[in-house]
């Protein structure tokens, strides 16, 4: 039985996994703005990996809940390996 609610967690995600400010093509010291530059280190999930996963999960959710089309619903099963190891899905108990 598939849960009604699923949580997507990016265990190696950092702030700039979702907004790629680490690769701005400008010659400015972003230290005060970025704070700790380690958030741009390679151990964090890069945006080019995270964005397609976020888009696929979001589309599966919207197709299922808005359009009533469950064709992509399998992407939302917590016990599936979709997006592993970058994303972990877990059932949410209301």
Protein backbone atom coordinates (compact mmCIF):
# COMPACT_ATOMS: atom_id res chain seq x y z
CA UNK A 1 0.00 0.00 0.00
CA UNK A 2 1.38 3.34 -1.02
CA UNK A 3 1.23 6.09 1.62
CA UNK A 4 -0.82 9.23 1.00
CA UNK A 5 2.13 11.45 1.94
CA UNK A 6 5.78 11.08 1.06
CA UNK A 7 8.76 13.14 2.20
CA UNK A 8 11.71 13.68 -0.14
CA UNK A 9 15.00 14.30 1.64
CA UNK A 10 18.31 15.22 0.02
CA UNK A 11 20.81 13.96 2.63
CA UNK A 12 23.75 15.60 0.84
CA UNK A 13 21.83 18.69 -0.17
CA UNK A 14 22.90 22.16 0.84
CA UNK A 15 21.40 25.56 0.20
CA UNK A 16 23.12 25.90 -3.16
CA UNK A 17 21.88 22.51 -4.28
CA UNK A 18 18.65 24.38 -4.99
CA UNK A 19 20.00 27.77 -6.06
CA UNK A 20 23.35 27.56 -7.81
CA UNK A 21 25.03 30.71 -6.60
CA UNK A 22 28.35 28.88 -6.30
CA UNK A 23 29.06 29.18 -10.02
CA UNK A 24 28.22 32.80 -10.69
CA UNK A 25 30.41 34.17 -13.48
CA UNK A 26 31.41 37.31 -11.61
CA UNK A 27 34.68 38.49 -10.14
CA UNK A 28 33.46 39.60 -6.73
CA UNK A 29 34.32 38.38 -3.27
CA UNK A 30 31.14 36.58 -2.25
CA UNK A 31 32.59 35.52 1.10
CA UNK A 32 30.41 37.86 3.19
CA UNK A 33 27.32 36.89 1.21
CA UNK A 34 27.96 33.15 1.03
CA UNK A 35 29.40 32.78 4.49
CA UNK A 36 31.04 29.40 4.61
CA UNK A 37 32.11 28.43 1.06
CA UNK A 38 32.12 24.75 2.07
CA UNK A 39 28.47 24.65 1.05
CA UNK A 40 29.79 24.76 -2.53
CA UNK A 41 32.05 21.74 -2.02
CA UNK A 42 31.57 18.64 -4.18
CA UNK A 43 30.27 16.47 -1.31
CA UNK A 44 26.97 18.30 -1.62
CA UNK A 45 24.44 17.31 -4.27
CA UNK A 46 25.00 19.63 -7.25
CA UNK A 47 22.04 21.48 -8.79
CA UNK A 48 22.42 19.65 -12.12
CA UNK A 49 21.73 16.39 -10.24
CA UNK A 50 19.06 17.67 -7.84
CA UNK A 51 16.94 19.71 -10.26
CA UNK A 52 15.89 16.78 -12.52
CA UNK A 53 15.00 14.75 -9.42
CA UNK A 54 12.97 17.62 -7.95
CA UNK A 55 11.22 18.16 -11.28
CA UNK A 56 10.37 14.46 -11.67
CA UNK A 57 9.00 14.16 -8.13
CA UNK A 58 7.05 17.41 -8.47
CA UNK A 59 5.58 16.34 -11.79
CA UNK A 60 4.60 12.92 -10.39
CA UNK A 61 2.90 14.62 -7.44
CA UNK A 62 1.04 17.16 -9.58
CA UNK A 63 -0.03 14.65 -12.23
CA UNK A 64 -1.44 12.41 -9.50
CA UNK A 65 -3.09 15.01 -7.26
CA UNK A 66 -4.12 17.68 -9.77
CA UNK A 67 -4.87 15.72 -12.94
CA UNK A 68 -5.80 12.41 -11.33
CA UNK A 69 -3.24 10.63 -13.52
CA UNK A 70 -1.28 8.06 -11.53
CA UNK A 71 1.06 7.09 -14.38
CA UNK A 72 4.11 8.54 -12.60
CA UNK A 73 2.94 7.68 -9.09
CA UNK A 74 5.50 4.87 -8.80
CA UNK A 75 8.20 7.54 -8.46
CA UNK A 76 6.66 8.46 -5.11
CA UNK A 77 6.97 5.02 -3.49
CA UNK A 78 9.30 5.26 -0.46
CA UNK A 79 10.69 1.76 -0.94
CA UNK A 80 11.83 2.46 -4.51
CA UNK A 81 15.36 3.54 -5.32
CA UNK A 82 14.33 6.53 -7.45
CA UNK A 83 17.01 9.19 -7.23
CA UNK A 84 19.21 7.17 -4.86
CA UNK A 85 21.61 8.00 -3.35
CA UNK A 86 20.80 11.70 -3.78
CA UNK A 87 17.23 11.58 -2.52
CA UNK A 88 15.57 9.48 0.16
CA UNK A 89 11.81 9.00 0.15
CA UNK A 90 9.93 8.15 3.33
CA UNK A 91 6.28 7.74 4.23
CA UNK A 92 4.78 10.50 6.33
CA UNK A 93 2.23 9.63 8.96
CA UNK A 94 -0.37 12.37 9.41
